[in-house]
Amino acid sequence: YNTRLVVLLGHTQCGAVAATLDELRNNSRSPSRNQRSIVERIA
């Protein structure tokens, strides 16, 4: 489409970021492999 702007849009109070910090703080892992794939990209 010849689109010439890409915006990477995050937001305050992001739950995925909070979950990642919680896992790092407690040295734990999500029981879901699929959710871990998100945490592992943020960590």
All heavy atoms as atom14 arrays in JSON, in Angstrom:
{
  "sequence": "YNTRLVVLLGHTQCGAVAATLDELRNNSRSPSRNQRSIVERIA",
  "atom14_mask": [
    [1, 1, 1, 1, 1, 1, 1, 1, 1, 1, 1, 1, 0, 0],
    [1, 1, 1, 1, 1, 1, 1, 1, 0, 0, 0, 0, 0, 0],
    [1, 1, 1, 1, 1, 1, 1, 0, 0, 0, 0, 0, 0, 0],
    [1, 1, 1, 1, 1, 1, 1, 1, 1, 1, 1, 0, 0, 0],
    [1, 1, 1, 1, 1, 1, 1, 1, 0, 0, 0, 0, 0, 0],
    [1, 1, 1, 1, 1, 1, 1, 0, 0, 0, 0, 0, 0, 0],
    [1, 1, 1, 1, 1, 1, 1, 0, 0, 0, 0, 0, 0, 0],
    [1, 1, 1, 1, 1, 1, 1, 1, 0, 0, 0, 0, 0, 0],
    [1, 1, 1, 1, 1, 1, 1, 1, 0, 0, 0, 0, 0, 0],
    [1, 1, 1, 1, 0, 0, 0, 0, 0, 0, 0, 0, 0, 0],
    [1, 1, 1, 1, 1, 1, 1, 1, 1, 1, 0, 0, 0, 0],
    [1, 1, 1, 1, 1, 1, 1, 0, 0, 0, 0, 0, 0, 0],
    [1, 1, 1, 1, 1, 1, 1, 1, 1, 0, 0, 0, 0, 0],
    [1, 1, 1, 1, 1, 1, 0, 0, 0, 0, 0, 0, 0, 0],
    [1, 1, 1, 1, 0, 0, 0, 0, 0, 0, 0, 0, 0, 0],
    [1, 1, 1, 1, 1, 0, 0, 0, 0, 0, 0, 0, 0, 0],
    [1, 1, 1, 1, 1, 1, 1, 0, 0, 0, 0, 0, 0, 0],
    [1, 1, 1, 1, 1, 0, 0, 0, 0, 0, 0, 0, 0, 0],
    [1, 1, 1, 1, 1, 0, 0, 0, 0, 0, 0, 0, 0, 0],
    [1, 1, 1, 1, 1, 1, 1, 0, 0, 0, 0, 0, 0, 0],
    [1, 1, 1, 1, 1, 1, 1, 1, 0, 0, 0, 0, 0, 0],
    [1, 1, 1, 1, 1, 1, 1, 1, 0, 0, 0, 0, 0, 0],
    [1, 1, 1, 1, 1, 1, 1, 1, 1, 0, 0, 0, 0, 0],
    [1, 1, 1, 1, 1, 1, 1, 1, 0, 0, 0, 0, 0, 0],
    [1, 1, 1, 1, 1, 1, 1, 1, 1, 1, 1, 0, 0, 0],
    [1, 1, 1, 1, 1, 1, 1, 1, 0, 0, 0, 0, 0, 0],
    [1, 1, 1, 1, 1, 1, 1, 1, 0, 0, 0, 0, 0, 0],
    [1, 1, 1, 1, 1, 1, 0, 0, 0, 0, 0, 0, 0, 0],
    [1, 1, 1, 1, 1, 1, 1, 1, 1, 1, 1, 0, 0, 0],
    [1, 1, 1, 1, 1, 1, 0, 0, 0, 0, 0, 0, 0, 0],
    [1, 1, 1, 1, 1, 1, 1, 0, 0, 0, 0, 0, 0, 0],
    [1, 1, 1, 1, 1, 1, 0, 0, 0, 0, 0, 0, 0, 0],
    [1, 1, 1, 1, 1, 1, 1, 1, 1, 1, 1, 0, 0, 0],
    [1, 1, 1, 1, 1, 1, 1, 1, 0, 0, 0, 0, 0, 0],
    [1, 1, 1, 1, 1, 1, 1, 1, 1, 0, 0, 0, 0, 0],
    [1, 1, 1, 1, 1, 1, 1, 1, 1, 1, 1, 0, 0, 0],
    [1, 1, 1, 1, 1, 1, 0, 0, 0, 0, 0, 0, 0, 0],
    [1, 1, 1, 1, 1, 1, 1, 1, 0, 0, 0, 0, 0, 0],
    [1, 1, 1, 1, 1, 1, 1, 0, 0, 0, 0, 0, 0, 0],
    [1, 1, 1, 1, 1, 1, 1, 1, 1, 0, 0, 0, 0, 0],
    [1, 1, 1, 1, 1, 1, 1, 1, 1, 1, 1, 0, 0, 0],
    [1, 1, 1, 1, 1, 1, 1, 1, 0, 0, 0, 0, 0, 0],
    [1, 1, 1, 1, 1, 0, 0, 0, 0, 0, 0, 0, 0, 0]
  ],
  "atom14_positions": [
    [[0.8, -1.22, 0.0], [0.0, 0.0, 0.0], [0.84, 1.28, 0.0], [0.28, 2.38, 0.1], [-0.94, 0.0, 1.21], [-1.79, -1.24, 1.29], [-1.73, -2.08, 2.41], [-2.63, -1.62, 0.23], [-2.48, -3.24, 2.48], [-3.38, -2.78, 0.3], [-3.31, -3.59, 1.42], [-4.06, -4.74, 1.48], [0.0, 0.0, 0.0], [0.0, 0.0, 0.0]],
    [[2.16, 1.14, -0.11], [3.03, 2.32, -0.08], [2.87, 3.11, 1.21], [3.08, 4.33, 1.23], [2.77, 3.24, -1.28], [3.53, 2.8, -2.51], [4.41, 1.95, -2.43], [3.17, 3.34, -3.66], [0.0, 0.0, 0.0], [0.0, 0.0, 0.0], [0.0, 0.0, 0.0], [0.0, 0.0, 0.0], [0.0, 0.0, 0.0], [0.0, 0.0, 0.0]],
    [[2.48, 2.46, 2.28], [2.32, 3.14, 3.57], [3.71, 3.48, 4.1], [4.57, 2.62, 4.18], [1.56, 2.26, 4.56], [0.34, 1.82, 3.94], [1.23, 3.01, 5.83], [0.0, 0.0, 0.0], [0.0, 0.0, 0.0], [0.0, 0.0, 0.0], [0.0, 0.0, 0.0], [0.0, 0.0, 0.0], [0.0, 0.0, 0.0], [0.0, 0.0, 0.0]],
    [[3.9, 4.75, 4.48], [5.25, 5.21, 4.8], [5.45, 5.56, 6.27], [6.46, 6.18, 6.63], [5.61, 6.41, 3.91], [5.91, 5.99, 2.47], [7.12, 5.06, 2.43], [7.31, 4.38, 1.16], [6.96, 3.12, 0.92], [6.36, 2.4, 1.87], [7.19, 2.57, -0.23], [0.0, 0.0, 0.0], [0.0, 0.0, 0.0], [0.0, 0.0, 0.0]],
    [[4.52, 5.14, 7.12], [4.7, 5.35, 8.56], [4.35, 4.06, 9.3], [3.28, 3.49, 9.09], [3.81, 6.48, 9.07], [3.84, 6.69, 10.6], [5.22, 7.15, 11.07], [2.76, 7.68, 11.04], [0.0, 0.0, 0.0], [0.0, 0.0, 0.0], [0.0, 0.0, 0.0], [0.0, 0.0, 0.0], [0.0, 0.0, 0.0], [0.0, 0.0, 0.0]],
    [[5.27, 3.65, 10.18], [5.02, 2.52, 11.08], [5.17, 3.05, 12.5], [6.18, 3.66, 12.84], [6.01, 1.37, 10.86], [5.71, 0.21, 11.81], [6.0, 0.9, 9.42], [0.0, 0.0, 0.0], [0.0, 0.0, 0.0], [0.0, 0.0, 0.0], [0.0, 0.0, 0.0], [0.0, 0.0, 0.0], [0.0, 0.0, 0.0], [0.0, 0.0, 0.0]],
    [[4.16, 2.8, 13.33], [4.2, 3.23, 14.73], [4.17, 2.0, 15.61], [3.25, 1.18, 15.52], [3.0, 4.14, 15.08], [3.03, 4.53, 16.56], [3.01, 5.39, 14.2], [0.0, 0.0, 0.0], [0.0, 0.0, 0.0], [0.0, 0.0, 0.0], [0.0, 0.0, 0.0], [0.0, 0.0, 0.0], [0.0, 0.0, 0.0], [0.0, 0.0, 0.0]],
    [[5.18, 1.87, 16.47], [5.19, 0.81, 17.49], [4.55, 1.42, 18.74], [5.15, 2.26, 19.4], [6.63, 0.35, 17.75], [6.82, -0.98, 18.48], [6.28, -0.97, 19.9], [6.21, -2.13, 17.69], [0.0, 0.0, 0.0], [0.0, 0.0, 0.0], [0.0, 0.0, 0.0], [0.0, 0.0, 0.0], [0.0, 0.0, 0.0], [0.0, 0.0, 0.0]],
    [[3.32, 1.02, 19.02], [2.52, 1.67, 20.05], [2.38, 0.81, 21.31], [1.68, -0.2, 21.31], [1.12, 1.99, 19.5], [0.13, 2.65, 20.44], [0.62, 4.05, 20.84], [-1.25, 2.74, 19.79], [0.0, 0.0, 0.0], [0.0, 0.0, 0.0], [0.0, 0.0, 0.0], [0.0, 0.0, 0.0], [0.0, 0.0, 0.0], [0.0, 0.0, 0.0]],
    [[3.07, 1.23, 22.37], [2.88, 0.61, 23.67], [1.98, 1.47, 24.53], [1.44, 2.48, 24.06], [0.0, 0.0, 0.0], [0.0, 0.0, 0.0], [0.0, 0.0, 0.0], [0.0, 0.0, 0.0], [0.0, 0.0, 0.0], [0.0, 0.0, 0.0], [0.0, 0.0, 0.0], [0.0, 0.0, 0.0], [0.0, 0.0, 0.0], [0.0, 0.0, 0.0]],
    [[1.82, 1.11, 25.78], [0.95, 1.9, 26.65], [1.32, 1.72, 28.12], [1.95, 0.73, 28.5], [-0.52, 1.52, 26.43], [-0.84, 0.1, 26.86], [-1.33, -0.2, 28.11], [-0.74, -1.07, 26.19], [-1.52, -1.52, 28.2], [-1.16, -2.06, 27.05], [0.0, 0.0, 0.0], [0.0, 0.0, 0.0], [0.0, 0.0, 0.0], [0.0, 0.0, 0.0]],
    [[0.92, 2.68, 28.93], [1.18, 2.6, 30.36], [0.41, 1.42, 30.95], [-0.6, 0.98, 30.41], [0.73, 3.89, 31.06], [-0.67, 4.12, 30.81], [1.52, 5.1, 30.56], [0.0, 0.0, 0.0], [0.0, 0.0, 0.0], [0.0, 0.0, 0.0], [0.0, 0.0, 0.0], [0.0, 0.0, 0.0], [0.0, 0.0, 0.0], [0.0, 0.0, 0.0]],
    [[0.91, 0.91, 32.07], [0.28, -0.2, 32.79], [0.09, -1.45, 31.92], [-0.91, -2.16, 32.03], [-1.07, 0.23, 33.37], [-1.0, 1.43, 34.3], [-2.36, 1.78, 34.87], [-3.17, 0.92, 35.18], [-2.62, 3.07, 35.01], [0.0, 0.0, 0.0], [0.0, 0.0, 0.0], [0.0, 0.0, 0.0], [0.0, 0.0, 0.0], [0.0, 0.0, 0.0]],
    [[1.05, -1.73, 31.06], [0.93, -2.88, 30.16], [0.99, -4.18, 30.96], [1.96, -4.45, 31.68], [2.05, -2.86, 29.13], [2.02, -4.27, 27.99], [0.0, 0.0, 0.0], [0.0, 0.0, 0.0], [0.0, 0.0, 0.0], [0.0, 0.0, 0.0], [0.0, 0.0, 0.0], [0.0, 0.0, 0.0], [0.0, 0.0, 0.0], [0.0, 0.0, 0.0]],
    [[-0.04, -5.01, 30.84], [-0.11, -6.25, 31.6], [0.96, -7.24, 31.23], [1.48, -7.96, 32.09], [0.0, 0.0, 0.0], [0.0, 0.0, 0.0], [0.0, 0.0, 0.0], [0.0, 0.0, 0.0], [0.0, 0.0, 0.0], [0.0, 0.0, 0.0], [0.0, 0.0, 0.0], [0.0, 0.0, 0.0], [0.0, 0.0, 0.0], [0.0, 0.0, 0.0]],
    [[1.34, -7.29, 29.95], [2.37, -8.23, 29.53], [3.73, -7.85, 30.11], [4.52, -8.71, 30.51], [2.43, -8.29, 28.01], [0.0, 0.0, 0.0], [0.0, 0.0, 0.0], [0.0, 0.0, 0.0], [0.0, 0.0, 0.0], [0.0, 0.0, 0.0], [0.0, 0.0, 0.0], [0.0, 0.0, 0.0], [0.0, 0.0, 0.0], [0.0, 0.0, 0.0]],
    [[4.0, -6.56, 30.16], [5.25, -6.09, 30.77], [5.24, -6.38, 32.26], [6.24, -6.84, 32.84], [5.47, -4.6, 30.49], [6.68, -4.07, 31.28], [5.66, -4.35, 28.99], [0.0, 0.0, 0.0], [0.0, 0.0, 0.0], [0.0, 0.0, 0.0], [0.0, 0.0, 0.0], [0.0, 0.0, 0.0], [0.0, 0.0, 0.0], [0.0, 0.0, 0.0]],
    [[4.11, -6.13, 32.91], [3.99, -6.4, 34.35], [4.2, -7.88, 34.65], [4.88, -8.25, 35.62], [2.63, -5.94, 34.86], [0.0, 0.0, 0.0], [0.0, 0.0, 0.0], [0.0, 0.0, 0.0], [0.0, 0.0, 0.0], [0.0, 0.0, 0.0], [0.0, 0.0, 0.0], [0.0, 0.0, 0.0], [0.0, 0.0, 0.0], [0.0, 0.0, 0.0]],
    [[3.63, -8.75, 33.81], [3.79, -10.19, 34.0], [5.24, -10.61, 33.83], [5.75, -11.47, 34.57], [2.91, -10.95, 33.02], [0.0, 0.0, 0.0], [0.0, 0.0, 0.0], [0.0, 0.0, 0.0], [0.0, 0.0, 0.0], [0.0, 0.0, 0.0], [0.0, 0.0, 0.0], [0.0, 0.0, 0.0], [0.0, 0.0, 0.0], [0.0, 0.0, 0.0]],
    [[5.92, -9.98, 32.89], [7.35, -10.28, 32.67], [8.18, -9.87, 33.87], [9.04, -10.62, 34.34], [7.85, -9.57, 31.41], [7.06, -9.98, 30.28], [9.32, -9.9, 31.15], [0.0, 0.0, 0.0], [0.0, 0.0, 0.0], [0.0, 0.0, 0.0], [0.0, 0.0, 0.0], [0.0, 0.0, 0.0], [0.0, 0.0, 0.0], [0.0, 0.0, 0.0]],
    [[7.93, -8.67, 34.4], [8.66, -8.22, 35.59], [8.39, -9.13, 36.77], [9.31, -9.44, 37.55], [8.25, -6.78, 35.93], [8.69, -5.69, 34.94], [8.07, -4.36, 35.32], [10.21, -5.59, 34.89], [0.0, 0.0, 0.0], [0.0, 0.0, 0.0], [0.0, 0.0, 0.0], [0.0, 0.0, 0.0], [0.0, 0.0, 0.0], [0.0, 0.0, 0.0]],
    [[7.16, -9.57, 36.9], [6.81, -10.47, 38.0], [7.57, -11.78, 37.91], [8.07, -12.3, 38.92], [5.3, -10.72, 38.0], [4.85, -11.52, 39.22], [5.04, -11.03, 40.35], [4.33, -12.64, 39.04], [0.0, 0.0, 0.0], [0.0, 0.0, 0.0], [0.0, 0.0, 0.0], [0.0, 0.0, 0.0], [0.0, 0.0, 0.0], [0.0, 0.0, 0.0]],
    [[7.67, -12.33, 36.7], [8.41, -13.58, 36.53], [9.89, -13.39, 36.81], [10.53, -14.25, 37.42], [8.18, -14.14, 35.12], [6.77, -14.65, 34.9], [6.65, -15.65, 33.75], [7.7, -16.16, 33.32], [5.52, -15.91, 33.31], [0.0, 0.0, 0.0], [0.0, 0.0, 0.0], [0.0, 0.0, 0.0], [0.0, 0.0, 0.0], [0.0, 0.0, 0.0]],
    [[10.45, -12.26, 36.36], [11.86, -12.0, 36.62], [12.11, -11.79, 38.11], [13.11, -12.27, 38.66], [12.31, -10.76, 35.83], [12.38, -10.91, 34.31], [12.64, -9.55, 33.67], [13.46, -11.91, 33.91], [0.0, 0.0, 0.0], [0.0, 0.0, 0.0], [0.0, 0.0, 0.0], [0.0, 0.0, 0.0], [0.0, 0.0, 0.0], [0.0, 0.0, 0.0]],
    [[11.19, -11.1, 38.76], [11.34, -10.81, 40.19], [11.27, -12.09, 41.03], [12.02, -12.26, 42.0], [10.24, -9.83, 40.62], [10.39, -9.33, 42.05], [9.26, -8.38, 42.4], [9.31, -7.14, 41.64], [8.46, -6.79, 40.68], [7.49, -7.62, 40.34], [8.58, -5.64, 40.06], [0.0, 0.0, 0.0], [0.0, 0.0, 0.0], [0.0, 0.0, 0.0]],
    [[10.39, -12.99, 40.65], [10.17, -14.21, 41.43], [10.88, -15.43, 40.87], [10.71, -16.54, 41.39], [8.67, -14.49, 41.53], [7.92, -13.38, 42.24], [8.31, -12.98, 43.34], [6.87, -12.87, 41.62], [0.0, 0.0, 0.0], [0.0, 0.0, 0.0], [0.0, 0.0, 0.0], [0.0, 0.0, 0.0], [0.0, 0.0, 0.0], [0.0, 0.0, 0.0]],
    [[11.64, -15.18, 39.79], [12.37, -16.28, 39.14], [11.44, -17.46, 38.84], [11.74, -18.62, 39.12], [13.53, -16.75, 40.03], [14.52, -17.6, 39.25], [14.66, -17.47, 38.03], [15.19, -18.51, 39.95], [0.0, 0.0, 0.0], [0.0, 0.0, 0.0], [0.0, 0.0, 0.0], [0.0, 0.0, 0.0], [0.0, 0.0, 0.0], [0.0, 0.0, 0.0]],
    [[10.28, -17.13, 38.28], [9.26, -18.15, 37.98], [9.01, -18.2, 36.49], [9.52, -17.4, 35.71], [7.97, -17.84, 38.72], [7.46, -16.58, 38.3], [0.0, 0.0, 0.0], [0.0, 0.0, 0.0], [0.0, 0.0, 0.0], [0.0, 0.0, 0.0], [0.0, 0.0, 0.0], [0.0, 0.0, 0.0], [0.0, 0.0, 0.0], [0.0, 0.0, 0.0]],
    [[8.19, -19.17, 36.08], [7.83, -19.3, 34.67], [6.33, -19.52, 34.54], [5.73, -20.23, 35.34], [8.57, -20.47, 34.01], [10.08, -20.34, 33.99], [10.68, -21.51, 33.25], [10.45, -21.43, 31.81], [10.67, -22.42, 30.97], [11.1, -23.59, 31.42], [10.45, -22.28, 29.68], [0.0, 0.0, 0.0], [0.0, 0.0, 0.0], [0.0, 0.0, 0.0]],
    [[5.76, -18.94, 33.5], [4.34, -19.16, 33.23], [4.13, -20.63, 32.87], [4.96, -21.24, 32.17], [3.89, -18.29, 32.05], [2.62, -18.7, 31.6], [0.0, 0.0, 0.0], [0.0, 0.0, 0.0], [0.0, 0.0, 0.0], [0.0, 0.0, 0.0], [0.0, 0.0, 0.0], [0.0, 0.0, 0.0], [0.0, 0.0, 0.0], [0.0, 0.0, 0.0]],
    [[3.05, -21.24, 33.36], [2.78, -22.63, 33.03], [2.4, -22.84, 31.57], [2.41, -23.97, 31.08], [1.61, -22.99, 33.95], [0.93, -21.68, 34.22], [2.03, -20.67, 34.26], [0.0, 0.0, 0.0], [0.0, 0.0, 0.0], [0.0, 0.0, 0.0], [0.0, 0.0, 0.0], [0.0, 0.0, 0.0], [0.0, 0.0, 0.0], [0.0, 0.0, 0.0]],
    [[2.07, -21.75, 30.86], [1.67, -21.86, 29.47], [2.85, -21.56, 28.55], [3.44, -20.48, 28.61], [0.54, -20.88, 29.17], [0.38, -20.68, 27.78], [0.0, 0.0, 0.0], [0.0, 0.0, 0.0], [0.0, 0.0, 0.0], [0.0, 0.0, 0.0], [0.0, 0.0, 0.0], [0.0, 0.0, 0.0], [0.0, 0.0, 0.0], [0.0, 0.0, 0.0]],
    [[3.16, -22.48, 27.67], [4.25, -22.28, 26.72], [3.96, -21.09, 25.81], [4.86, -20.33, 25.45], [4.43, -23.55, 25.87], [5.57, -23.44, 24.84], [5.66, -24.69, 24.0], [4.45, -24.84, 23.19], [4.22, -25.87, 22.37], [5.1, -26.86, 22.31], [3.11, -25.93, 21.66], [0.0, 0.0, 0.0], [0.0, 0.0, 0.0], [0.0, 0.0, 0.0]],
    [[2.69, -20.91, 25.46], [2.32, -19.82, 24.57], [2.5, -18.46, 25.24], [2.99, -17.51, 24.63], [0.87, -19.99, 24.11], [0.67, -21.27, 23.33], [1.42, -21.57, 22.41], [-0.33, -22.05, 23.72], [0.0, 0.0, 0.0], [0.0, 0.0, 0.0], [0.0, 0.0, 0.0], [0.0, 0.0, 0.0], [0.0, 0.0, 0.0], [0.0, 0.0, 0.0]],
    [[2.11, -18.37, 26.52], [2.32, -17.12, 27.24], [3.81, -16.87, 27.48], [4.26, -15.73, 27.47], [1.55, -17.13, 28.55], [0.04, -17.11, 28.37], [-0.71, -17.1, 29.68], [-0.39, -16.32, 30.58], [-1.71, -17.96, 29.8], [0.0, 0.0, 0.0], [0.0, 0.0, 0.0], [0.0, 0.0, 0.0], [0.0, 0.0, 0.0], [0.0, 0.0, 0.0]],
    [[4.55, -17.94, 27.71], [6.0, -17.79, 27.91], [6.65, -17.18, 26.67], [7.63, -16.43, 26.78], [6.65, -19.14, 28.23], [6.5, -19.58, 29.67], [7.58, -20.59, 30.07], [7.63, -21.74, 29.18], [6.88, -22.84, 29.31], [6.01, -22.91, 30.3], [7.0, -23.84, 28.48], [0.0, 0.0, 0.0], [0.0, 0.0, 0.0], [0.0, 0.0, 0.0]],
    [[6.13, -17.51, 25.5], [6.72, -16.98, 24.26], [6.62, -15.46, 24.21], [7.49, -14.79, 23.63], [6.05, -17.6, 23.04], [4.72, -17.13, 22.88], [0.0, 0.0, 0.0], [0.0, 0.0, 0.0], [0.0, 0.0, 0.0], [0.0, 0.0, 0.0], [0.0, 0.0, 0.0], [0.0, 0.0, 0.0], [0.0, 0.0, 0.0], [0.0, 0.0, 0.0]],
    [[5.58, -14.9, 24.84], [5.44, -13.45, 24.91], [6.42, -12.88, 25.93], [7.16, -11.93, 25.66], [4.0, -13.06, 25.27], [3.03, -13.51, 24.18], [3.89, -11.54, 25.49], [1.57, -13.34, 24.53], [0.0, 0.0, 0.0], [0.0, 0.0, 0.0], [0.0, 0.0, 0.0], [0.0, 0.0, 0.0], [0.0, 0.0, 0.0], [0.0, 0.0, 0.0]],
    [[6.44, -13.48, 27.11], [7.34, -13.02, 28.18], [8.79, -13.08, 27.72], [9.58, -12.17, 27.99], [7.13, -13.88, 29.44], [8.24, -13.62, 30.46], [5.77, -13.58, 30.06], [0.0, 0.0, 0.0], [0.0, 0.0, 0.0], [0.0, 0.0, 0.0], [0.0, 0.0, 0.0], [0.0, 0.0, 0.0], [0.0, 0.0, 0.0], [0.0, 0.0, 0.0]],
    [[9.15, -14.15, 27.02], [10.54, -14.31, 26.6], [10.96, -13.27, 25.57], [12.16, -12.99, 25.44], [10.73, -15.73, 26.04], [10.72, -16.79, 27.14], [10.63, -18.21, 26.6], [10.52, -18.37, 25.35], [10.66, -19.15, 27.41], [0.0, 0.0, 0.0], [0.0, 0.0, 0.0], [0.0, 0.0, 0.0], [0.0, 0.0, 0.0], [0.0, 0.0, 0.0]],
    [[10.02, -12.68, 24.86], [10.37, -11.62, 23.92], [10.49, -10.27, 24.62], [11.19, -9.38, 24.13], [9.34, -11.55, 22.79], [9.45, -12.71, 21.82], [8.58, -12.53, 20.59], [8.78, -13.64, 19.67], [9.75, -13.73, 18.77], [10.63, -12.74, 18.66], [9.85, -14.77, 17.97], [0.0, 0.0, 0.0], [0.0, 0.0, 0.0], [0.0, 0.0, 0.0]],
    [[9.81, -10.12, 25.73], [9.88, -8.86, 26.48], [11.07, -8.85, 27.44], [11.72, -7.81, 27.64], [8.57, -8.62, 27.26], [7.39, -8.49, 26.29], [8.67, -7.39, 28.16], [6.04, -8.41, 26.98], [0.0, 0.0, 0.0], [0.0, 0.0, 0.0], [0.0, 0.0, 0.0], [0.0, 0.0, 0.0], [0.0, 0.0, 0.0], [0.0, 0.0, 0.0]],
    [[11.37, -10.0, 28.02], [12.37, -10.09, 29.09], [13.73, -9.47, 28.77], [14.28, -8.74, 29.6], [12.54, -11.55, 29.53], [0.0, 0.0, 0.0], [0.0, 0.0, 0.0], [0.0, 0.0, 0.0], [0.0, 0.0, 0.0], [0.0, 0.0, 0.0], [0.0, 0.0, 0.0], [0.0, 0.0, 0.0], [0.0, 0.0, 0.0], [0.0, 0.0, 0.0]]
  ]
}
